[in-house]
Amino acid sequence: MIKALQSRKIAVVMSNGFNESEFLAIQRAMIDQGAALRIVSMDSGLVNGWDGKGWGHNFAVDAQLNTALGIDYDALIIPGGQRSIDKLKLTAHSRRFVGSFLAAMKPVICMGDAVQLLAHTDHLSGRTVSGPEDKKGVVEASGGTYSVEAVVMDQALMTGLTDGENLLPFVSAAVDMVVDFMAAQKQAA
């Protein structure tokens, strides 16, 4: 049986301190649909998750952010995690990489507080997004419109809340969005 995302490569941009529970939930769901997730990071070798109370597991980095190209991937996932986002904000490669997906209208999934990376990379102007309420000021200062909805779609950009009971519905919506996008792309070809 062919899965909906068979042979699709999805980039996951993260650095040490990413939200491990967000990553594991979306990783499982995307792999169940046949997707191949590739970790893209400014860190080399391994990237370490944060499990809410301390350091979590290590994951192998597949590509360096400074050399990765959006054209090599079908979609982008950015897990939250303040430590990870703060590190990703330090490099111009984040702006370039994220921007390449948005410019190509490929699916971009920002989980929870990852919405602030979009603000930092100047990709929120004119967009409606969601995320933790404490990120509302950052969103609005960047020219975006903040929504209190749990999941917000703005063209191929999906943002939303991933805390507690919101995580699994968000992940399910993210998988559906990528599957629908790939099906539409296949029909157009």
C-alpha atoms as a PDB file:
ATOM      1  CA  MET A   1       0.000   0.000   0.000  1.00  0.00           C
ATOM      2  CA  ILE A   2       1.393   3.383  -1.012  1.00  0.00           C
ATOM      3  CA  LYS A   3       1.271   5.980   1.715  1.00  0.00           C
ATOM      4  CA  ALA A   4       0.181   9.563   1.011  1.00  0.00           C
ATOM      5  CA  LEU A   5       3.625  11.075   1.614  1.00  0.00           C
ATOM      6  CA  GLN A   6       5.727   8.243   0.195  1.00  0.00           C
ATOM      7  CA  SER A   7       9.070   9.526  -1.154  1.00  0.00           C
ATOM      8  CA  ARG A   8       8.452  13.072   0.158  1.00  0.00           C
ATOM      9  CA  LYS A   9      11.379  14.743   1.924  1.00  0.00           C
ATOM     10  CA  ILE A  10      10.454  17.085   4.744  1.00  0.00           C
ATOM     11  CA  ALA A  11      13.018  19.365   6.384  1.00  0.00           C
ATOM     12  CA  VAL A  12      12.848  19.880  10.135  1.00  0.00           C
ATOM     13  CA  VAL A  13      14.807  22.971  11.173  1.00  0.00           C
ATOM     14  CA  MET A  14      15.925  22.900  14.777  1.00  0.00           C
ATOM     15  CA  SER A  15      18.796  23.504  17.120  1.00  0.00           C
ATOM     16  CA  ASN A  16      19.724  22.278  20.600  1.00  0.00           C
ATOM     17  CA  GLY A  17      16.822  22.832  22.962  1.00  0.00           C
ATOM     18  CA  PHE A  18      13.980  22.168  20.505  1.00  0.00           C
ATOM     19  CA  ASN A  19      10.675  21.004  21.976  1.00  0.00           C
ATOM     20  CA  GLU A  20      11.131  17.248  21.928  1.00  0.00           C
ATOM     21  CA  SER A  21       7.475  16.320  22.482  1.00  0.00           C
ATOM     22  CA  GLU A  22       6.395  18.464  19.506  1.00  0.00           C
ATOM     23  CA  PHE A  23       9.051  16.943  17.284  1.00  0.00           C
ATOM     24  CA  LEU A  24       8.311  13.340  18.273  1.00  0.00           C
ATOM     25  CA  ALA A  25       4.556  13.763  17.732  1.00  0.00           C
ATOM     26  CA  ILE A  26       4.890  15.224  14.242  1.00  0.00           C
ATOM     27  CA  GLN A  27       7.763  12.892  13.336  1.00  0.00           C
ATOM     28  CA  ARG A  28       5.639   9.819  14.100  1.00  0.00           C
ATOM     29  CA  ALA A  29       2.632  11.164  12.208  1.00  0.00           C
ATOM     30  CA  MET A  30       4.627  12.124   9.105  1.00  0.00           C
ATOM     31  CA  ILE A  31       6.566   8.843   9.031  1.00  0.00           C
ATOM     32  CA  ASP A  32       3.259   6.941   9.334  1.00  0.00           C
ATOM     33  CA  GLN A  33       2.278   8.620   6.050  1.00  0.00           C
ATOM     34  CA  GLY A  34       5.580   7.603   4.415  1.00  0.00           C
ATOM     35  CA  ALA A  35       7.466  10.915   4.651  1.00  0.00           C
ATOM     36  CA  ALA A  36      11.219  11.039   5.133  1.00  0.00           C
ATOM     37  CA  LEU A  37      12.095  13.685   7.723  1.00  0.00           C
ATOM     38  CA  ARG A  38      15.535  15.273   7.532  1.00  0.00           C
ATOM     39  CA  ILE A  39      16.935  17.319  10.396  1.00  0.00           C
ATOM     40  CA  VAL A  40      18.523  20.557   9.216  1.00  0.00           C
ATOM     41  CA  SER A  41      20.490  22.400  11.878  1.00  0.00           C
ATOM     42  CA  MET A  42      23.232  24.891  12.534  1.00  0.00           C
ATOM     43  CA  ASP A  43      24.544  22.330  15.026  1.00  0.00           C
ATOM     44  CA  SER A  44      26.732  19.565  13.640  1.00  0.00           C
ATOM     45  CA  GLY A  45      26.577  15.892  14.475  1.00  0.00           C
ATOM     46  CA  LEU A  46      23.744  15.691  16.983  1.00  0.00           C
ATOM     47  CA  VAL A  47      20.989  18.012  18.115  1.00  0.00           C
ATOM     48  CA  ASN A  48      19.615  17.679  21.656  1.00  0.00           C
ATOM     49  CA  GLY A  49      15.936  18.008  22.559  1.00  0.00           C
ATOM     50  CA  TRP A  50      14.392  19.619  25.628  1.00  0.00           C
ATOM     51  CA  ASP A  51      11.719  17.499  27.288  1.00  0.00           C
ATOM     52  CA  GLY A  52      10.144  20.241  29.394  1.00  0.00           C
ATOM     53  CA  LYS A  53      12.191  19.684  32.531  1.00  0.00           C
ATOM     54  CA  GLY A  54      15.642  18.972  31.192  1.00  0.00           C
ATOM     55  CA  TRP A  55      17.655  17.761  28.259  1.00  0.00           C
ATOM     56  CA  GLY A  56      16.085  14.962  26.287  1.00  0.00           C
ATOM     57  CA  HIS A  57      17.332  12.748  23.502  1.00  0.00           C
ATOM     58  CA  ASN A  58      19.912  13.373  20.812  1.00  0.00           C
ATOM     59  CA  PHE A  59      19.011  13.181  17.123  1.00  0.00           C
ATOM     60  CA  ALA A  60      21.401  12.973  14.180  1.00  0.00           C
ATOM     61  CA  VAL A  61      21.652  16.060  11.987  1.00  0.00           C
ATOM     62  CA  ASP A  62      21.147  15.241   8.300  1.00  0.00           C
ATOM     63  CA  ALA A  63      22.127  18.599   6.763  1.00  0.00           C
ATOM     64  CA  GLN A  64      23.827  21.807   7.827  1.00  0.00           C
ATOM     65  CA  LEU A  65      21.631  24.899   7.705  1.00  0.00           C
ATOM     66  CA  ASN A  66      24.358  26.964   6.043  1.00  0.00           C
ATOM     67  CA  THR A  67      24.405  24.681   2.977  1.00  0.00           C
ATOM     68  CA  ALA A  68      20.812  23.343   2.902  1.00  0.00           C
ATOM     69  CA  LEU A  69      18.534  24.431   0.069  1.00  0.00           C
ATOM     70  CA  GLY A  70      14.755  24.587   0.243  1.00  0.00           C
ATOM     71  CA  ILE A  71      14.459  23.239  -3.286  1.00  0.00           C
ATOM     72  CA  ASP A  72      15.697  19.858  -2.007  1.00  0.00           C
ATOM     73  CA  TYR A  73      12.641  19.426   0.255  1.00  0.00           C
ATOM     74  CA  ASP A  74       8.881  19.210  -0.182  1.00  0.00           C
ATOM     75  CA  ALA A  75       7.862  20.874   3.104  1.00  0.00           C
ATOM     76  CA  LEU A  76       9.310  22.473   6.244  1.00  0.00           C
ATOM     77  CA  ILE A  77       8.582  21.866   9.922  1.00  0.00           C
ATOM     78  CA  ILE A  78       9.875  24.168  12.664  1.00  0.00           C
ATOM     79  CA  PRO A  79       9.348  22.727  16.157  1.00  0.00           C
ATOM     80  CA  GLY A  80       9.163  25.195  19.024  1.00  0.00           C
ATOM     81  CA  GLY A  81      11.503  25.437  21.958  1.00  0.00           C
ATOM     82  CA  GLN A  82      12.869  28.782  23.109  1.00  0.00           C
ATOM     83  CA  ARG A  83      16.483  27.608  23.247  1.00  0.00           C
ATOM     84  CA  SER A  84      16.325  26.310  19.686  1.00  0.00           C
ATOM     85  CA  ILE A  85      14.553  29.387  18.310  1.00  0.00           C
ATOM     86  CA  ASP A  86      17.023  31.732  20.017  1.00  0.00           C
ATOM     87  CA  LYS A  87      19.917  29.903  18.336  1.00  0.00           C
ATOM     88  CA  LEU A  88      18.249  29.799  14.929  1.00  0.00           C
ATOM     89  CA  LYS A  89      17.701  33.556  15.132  1.00  0.00           C
ATOM     90  CA  LEU A  90      21.490  34.028  15.263  1.00  0.00           C
ATOM     91  CA  THR A  91      22.088  33.049  11.645  1.00  0.00           C
ATOM     92  CA  ALA A  92      20.991  34.641   8.374  1.00  0.00           C
ATOM     93  CA  HIS A  93      20.728  31.127   6.949  1.00  0.00           C
ATOM     94  CA  SER A  94      17.449  30.714   8.868  1.00  0.00           C
ATOM     95  CA  ARG A  95      15.943  33.650   6.963  1.00  0.00           C
ATOM     96  CA  ARG A  96      17.166  32.295   3.638  1.00  0.00           C
ATOM     97  CA  PHE A  97      16.025  28.720   4.231  1.00  0.00           C
ATOM     98  CA  VAL A  98      12.583  29.529   5.658  1.00  0.00           C
ATOM     99  CA  GLY A  99      12.079  32.219   3.014  1.00  0.00           C
ATOM    100  CA  SER A 100      12.757  29.771   0.193  1.00  0.00           C
ATOM    101  CA  PHE A 101       9.805  27.603   1.272  1.00  0.00           C
ATOM    102  CA  LEU A 102       7.465  30.566   1.650  1.00  0.00           C
ATOM    103  CA  ALA A 103       8.498  32.013  -1.725  1.00  0.00           C
ATOM    104  CA  ALA A 104       7.910  28.657  -3.411  1.00  0.00           C
ATOM    105  CA  MET A 105       4.521  28.286  -1.655  1.00  0.00           C
ATOM    106  CA  LYS A 106       5.616  24.988  -0.109  1.00  0.00           C
ATOM    107  CA  PRO A 107       4.043  23.892   3.197  1.00  0.00           C
ATOM    108  CA  VAL A 108       5.645  25.478   6.272  1.00  0.00           C
ATOM    109  CA  ILE A 109       4.533  24.251   9.705  1.00  0.00           C
ATOM    110  CA  CYS A 110       5.507  26.391  12.701  1.00  0.00           C
ATOM    111  CA  MET A 111       4.793  24.645  15.966  1.00  0.00           C
ATOM    112  CA  GLY A 112       3.917  26.761  18.999  1.00  0.00           C
ATOM    113  CA  ASP A 113       6.524  29.397  19.813  1.00  0.00           C
ATOM    114  CA  ALA A 114       8.384  28.757  16.537  1.00  0.00           C
ATOM    115  CA  VAL A 115       6.196  31.554  15.150  1.00  0.00           C
ATOM    116  CA  GLN A 116       8.753  33.972  16.577  1.00  0.00           C
ATOM    117  CA  LEU A 117      11.367  32.640  14.144  1.00  0.00           C
ATOM    118  CA  LEU A 118       9.099  33.818  11.321  1.00  0.00           C
ATOM    119  CA  ALA A 119       8.949  37.232  12.980  1.00  0.00           C
ATOM    120  CA  HIS A 120      12.721  37.387  13.314  1.00  0.00           C
ATOM    121  CA  THR A 121      13.265  36.385   9.700  1.00  0.00           C
ATOM    122  CA  ASP A 122      10.829  39.067   8.416  1.00  0.00           C
ATOM    123  CA  HIS A 123       8.279  36.617   7.028  1.00  0.00           C
ATOM    124  CA  LEU A 124       5.177  37.677   8.968  1.00  0.00           C
ATOM    125  CA  SER A 125       4.211  40.923   7.289  1.00  0.00           C
ATOM    126  CA  GLY A 126       0.617  40.660   6.056  1.00  0.00           C
ATOM    127  CA  ARG A 127       0.113  37.129   7.399  1.00  0.00           C
ATOM    128  CA  THR A 128      -2.311  35.842  10.011  1.00  0.00           C
ATOM    129  CA  VAL A 129      -0.700  33.455  12.472  1.00  0.00           C
ATOM    130  CA  SER A 130      -1.274  31.831  15.839  1.00  0.00           C
ATOM    131  CA  GLY A 131       0.945  30.709  18.659  1.00  0.00           C
ATOM    132  CA  PRO A 132       1.363  31.181  22.390  1.00  0.00           C
ATOM    133  CA  GLU A 133      -0.290  34.390  23.603  1.00  0.00           C
ATOM    134  CA  ASP A 134       3.045  35.744  24.866  1.00  0.00           C
ATOM    135  CA  LYS A 135       4.223  35.902  21.209  1.00  0.00           C
ATOM    136  CA  LYS A 136       1.377  38.247  20.175  1.00  0.00           C
ATOM    137  CA  GLY A 137       3.536  41.372  20.555  1.00  0.00           C
ATOM    138  CA  VAL A 138       6.344  39.884  18.443  1.00  0.00           C
ATOM    139  CA  VAL A 139       3.869  38.921  15.713  1.00  0.00           C
ATOM    140  CA  GLU A 140       2.215  42.338  15.599  1.00  0.00           C
ATOM    141  CA  ALA A 141       5.545  44.202  15.713  1.00  0.00           C
ATOM    142  CA  SER A 142       6.570  42.230  12.622  1.00  0.00           C
ATOM    143  CA  GLY A 143       3.474  43.266  10.671  1.00  0.00           C
ATOM    144  CA  GLY A 144       1.517  40.060  11.219  1.00  0.00           C
ATOM    145  CA  THR A 145      -1.973  39.577  12.582  1.00  0.00           C
ATOM    146  CA  TYR A 146      -2.234  37.441  15.703  1.00  0.00           C
ATOM    147  CA  SER A 147      -5.120  34.989  16.011  1.00  0.00           C
ATOM    148  CA  VAL A 148      -6.292  33.151  19.119  1.00  0.00           C
ATOM    149  CA  GLU A 149      -7.331  30.120  17.039  1.00  0.00           C
ATOM    150  CA  ALA A 150      -5.592  26.839  17.880  1.00  0.00           C
ATOM    151  CA  VAL A 151      -4.636  26.272  14.214  1.00  0.00           C
ATOM    152  CA  VAL A 152      -4.279  28.977  11.561  1.00  0.00           C
ATOM    153  CA  MET A 153      -3.643  28.450   7.864  1.00  0.00           C
ATOM    154  CA  ASP A 154      -2.376  31.359   5.763  1.00  0.00           C
ATOM    155  CA  GLN A 155      -1.749  30.055   2.248  1.00  0.00           C
ATOM    156  CA  ALA A 156       0.854  27.272   2.718  1.00  0.00           C
ATOM    157  CA  LEU A 157       1.845  28.486   6.208  1.00  0.00           C
ATOM    158  CA  MET A 158       0.395  26.705   9.239  1.00  0.00           C
ATOM    159  CA  THR A 159       0.869  28.010  12.762  1.00  0.00           C
ATOM    160  CA  GLY A 160      -0.832  27.251  16.029  1.00  0.00           C
ATOM    161  CA  LEU A 161      -0.867  26.102  19.596  1.00  0.00           C
ATOM    162  CA  THR A 162       0.901  22.878  20.508  1.00  0.00           C
ATOM    163  CA  ASP A 163       0.671  22.899  24.283  1.00  0.00           C
ATOM    164  CA  GLY A 164      -1.089  20.092  26.147  1.00  0.00           C
ATOM    165  CA  GLU A 165      -4.308  18.974  24.486  1.00  0.00           C
ATOM    166  CA  ASN A 166      -3.638  21.134  21.405  1.00  0.00           C
ATOM    167  CA  LEU A 167      -0.628  19.075  20.234  1.00  0.00           C
ATOM    168  CA  LEU A 168      -2.336  16.059  18.662  1.00  0.00           C
ATOM    169  CA  PRO A 169      -5.064  18.049  16.822  1.00  0.00           C
ATOM    170  CA  PHE A 170      -2.330  20.394  15.516  1.00  0.00           C
ATOM    171  CA  VAL A 171      -0.213  17.470  14.295  1.00  0.00           C
ATOM    172  CA  SER A 172      -3.234  15.870  12.641  1.00  0.00           C
ATOM    173  CA  ALA A 173      -4.076  19.139  10.857  1.00  0.00           C
ATOM    174  CA  ALA A 174      -0.431  19.492   9.781  1.00  0.00           C
ATOM    175  CA  VAL A 175      -0.365  16.020   8.244  1.00  0.00           C
ATOM    176  CA  ASP A 176      -3.669  16.686   6.459  1.00  0.00           C
ATOM    177  CA  MET A 177      -2.339  19.987   5.114  1.00  0.00           C
ATOM    178  CA  VAL A 178       0.823  18.406   3.688  1.00  0.00           C
ATOM    179  CA  VAL A 179      -1.084  15.417   2.249  1.00  0.00           C
ATOM    180  CA  ASP A 180      -3.636  17.744   0.584  1.00  0.00           C
ATOM    181  CA  PHE A 181      -0.864  19.959  -0.785  1.00  0.00           C
ATOM    182  CA  MET A 182       1.021  17.014  -2.280  1.00  0.00           C
ATOM    183  CA  ALA A 183      -2.186  15.584  -3.800  1.00  0.00           C
ATOM    184  CA  ALA A 184      -3.020  18.955  -5.384  1.00  0.00           C
ATOM    185  CA  GLN A 185       0.536  19.254  -6.678  1.00  0.00           C
ATOM    186  CA  LYS A 186       0.339  15.774  -8.215  1.00  0.00           C
ATOM    187  CA  GLN A 187      -2.973  16.604  -9.928  1.00  0.00           C
ATOM    188  CA  ALA A 188      -1.547  19.820 -11.354  1.00  0.00           C
ATOM    189  CA  ALA A 189       1.434  17.963 -12.863  1.00  0.00           C
END
